[in-house]
Amino acid sequence: MRWTVCREFAVDIQALDGEYVAYHHGSGCTHCLSAEAGELFISLSNAPVASDLEGLMMGAGLTGPEQLQTMLEQLTALSLITVSEST
């Protein structure tokens, strides 16, 4: 699987007291993200497409693949990232 940041609309993200606040310009929604989710989003923002699970886990300070999968699902549900099964 490969992940990328949704680029249809801009997303502003700022660190705030150990967490992150993300503003999605397309929906007008503001999301409070955990430190790990914010770091994961930033890691994905800095790469055109990410498929390296181990690198994503280390970059975001996650403890295992289950935690990574949960974070990816949450960011996808917020329309901050997209996932595809293309190779």
Protein backbone atom coordinates (compact mmCIF):
# COMPACT_ATOMS: atom_id res chain seq x y z
CA MET A 1 0.00 0.00 0.00
CA ARG A 2 1.08 3.56 -0.65
CA TRP A 3 0.05 6.72 1.16
CA THR A 4 0.12 10.36 0.15
CA VAL A 5 -1.20 13.63 1.52
CA CYS A 6 -4.46 14.78 -0.09
CA ARG A 7 -3.48 17.69 -2.30
CA GLU A 8 -6.92 18.85 -3.49
CA PHE A 9 -6.93 21.46 -0.72
CA ALA A 10 -4.22 22.92 1.47
CA VAL A 11 -3.78 21.72 5.03
CA ASP A 12 -2.05 23.96 7.56
CA ILE A 13 -0.51 22.13 10.52
CA GLN A 14 1.01 23.63 13.65
CA ALA A 15 2.49 22.14 16.80
CA LEU A 16 0.69 23.25 19.94
CA ASP A 17 1.49 22.04 23.46
CA GLY A 18 2.76 18.61 22.41
CA GLU A 19 -0.04 17.99 19.91
CA TYR A 20 -0.81 19.26 16.43
CA VAL A 21 -3.66 21.32 15.05
CA ALA A 22 -4.49 20.76 11.37
CA TYR A 23 -6.76 23.09 9.42
CA HIS A 24 -8.22 21.57 6.25
CA HIS A 25 -9.01 24.39 3.81
CA GLY A 26 -11.37 22.25 1.72
CA SER A 27 -13.73 21.28 4.51
CA GLY A 28 -13.06 24.21 6.83
CA CYS A 29 -12.51 21.70 9.63
CA THR A 30 -9.87 21.99 12.30
CA HIS A 31 -8.52 18.72 13.68
CA CYS A 32 -6.56 18.11 16.88
CA LEU A 33 -3.94 15.43 16.23
CA SER A 34 -1.77 13.56 18.69
CA ALA A 35 1.97 14.19 18.51
CA GLU A 36 2.43 10.87 16.69
CA ALA A 37 -0.35 11.54 14.16
CA GLY A 38 1.02 15.02 13.52
CA GLU A 39 4.55 13.68 12.97
CA LEU A 40 3.17 10.99 10.65
CA PHE A 41 1.29 13.61 8.63
CA ILE A 42 4.43 15.76 8.37
CA SER A 43 6.48 12.72 7.28
CA LEU A 44 3.93 11.98 4.57
CA SER A 45 3.89 15.66 3.56
CA ASN A 46 7.63 15.57 2.97
CA ALA A 47 7.48 12.55 0.64
CA PRO A 48 5.60 12.38 -2.66
CA VAL A 49 4.38 8.84 -1.87
CA ALA A 50 5.25 6.69 1.12
CA SER A 51 5.19 2.93 1.30
CA ASP A 52 8.00 2.23 3.78
CA LEU A 53 6.15 1.12 6.91
CA GLU A 54 9.26 0.87 9.05
CA GLY A 55 10.41 4.35 8.03
CA LEU A 56 6.97 5.82 8.73
CA MET A 57 6.85 4.18 12.19
CA MET A 58 10.30 5.45 13.13
CA GLY A 59 9.69 8.94 11.75
CA ALA A 60 6.52 9.33 13.78
CA GLY A 61 7.80 7.59 16.91
CA LEU A 62 5.21 4.81 16.70
CA THR A 63 5.62 1.56 18.60
CA GLY A 64 4.37 -0.96 16.05
CA PRO A 65 2.49 -1.73 12.86
CA GLU A 66 -0.90 -1.81 14.59
CA GLN A 67 -0.44 1.73 15.88
CA LEU A 68 0.72 2.86 12.43
CA GLN A 69 -2.32 1.27 10.77
CA THR A 70 -4.65 2.98 13.27
CA MET A 71 -3.03 6.37 12.61
CA LEU A 72 -3.20 5.90 8.83
CA GLU A 73 -6.89 4.99 9.07
CA GLN A 74 -7.60 8.05 11.24
CA LEU A 75 -5.77 10.44 8.91
CA THR A 76 -7.59 8.89 5.94
CA ALA A 77 -10.97 9.30 7.67
CA LEU A 78 -10.17 13.00 8.18
CA SER A 79 -9.40 13.33 4.43
CA LEU A 80 -5.83 14.39 5.23
CA ILE A 81 -4.21 11.46 3.41
CA THR A 82 -5.20 8.95 0.76
CA VAL A 83 -4.20 5.34 0.38
CA SER A 84 -4.04 3.20 -2.72
CA GLU A 85 -3.09 -0.37 -3.40
CA SER A 86 -1.33 0.45 -6.66
CA THR A 87 2.23 -0.74 -7.06
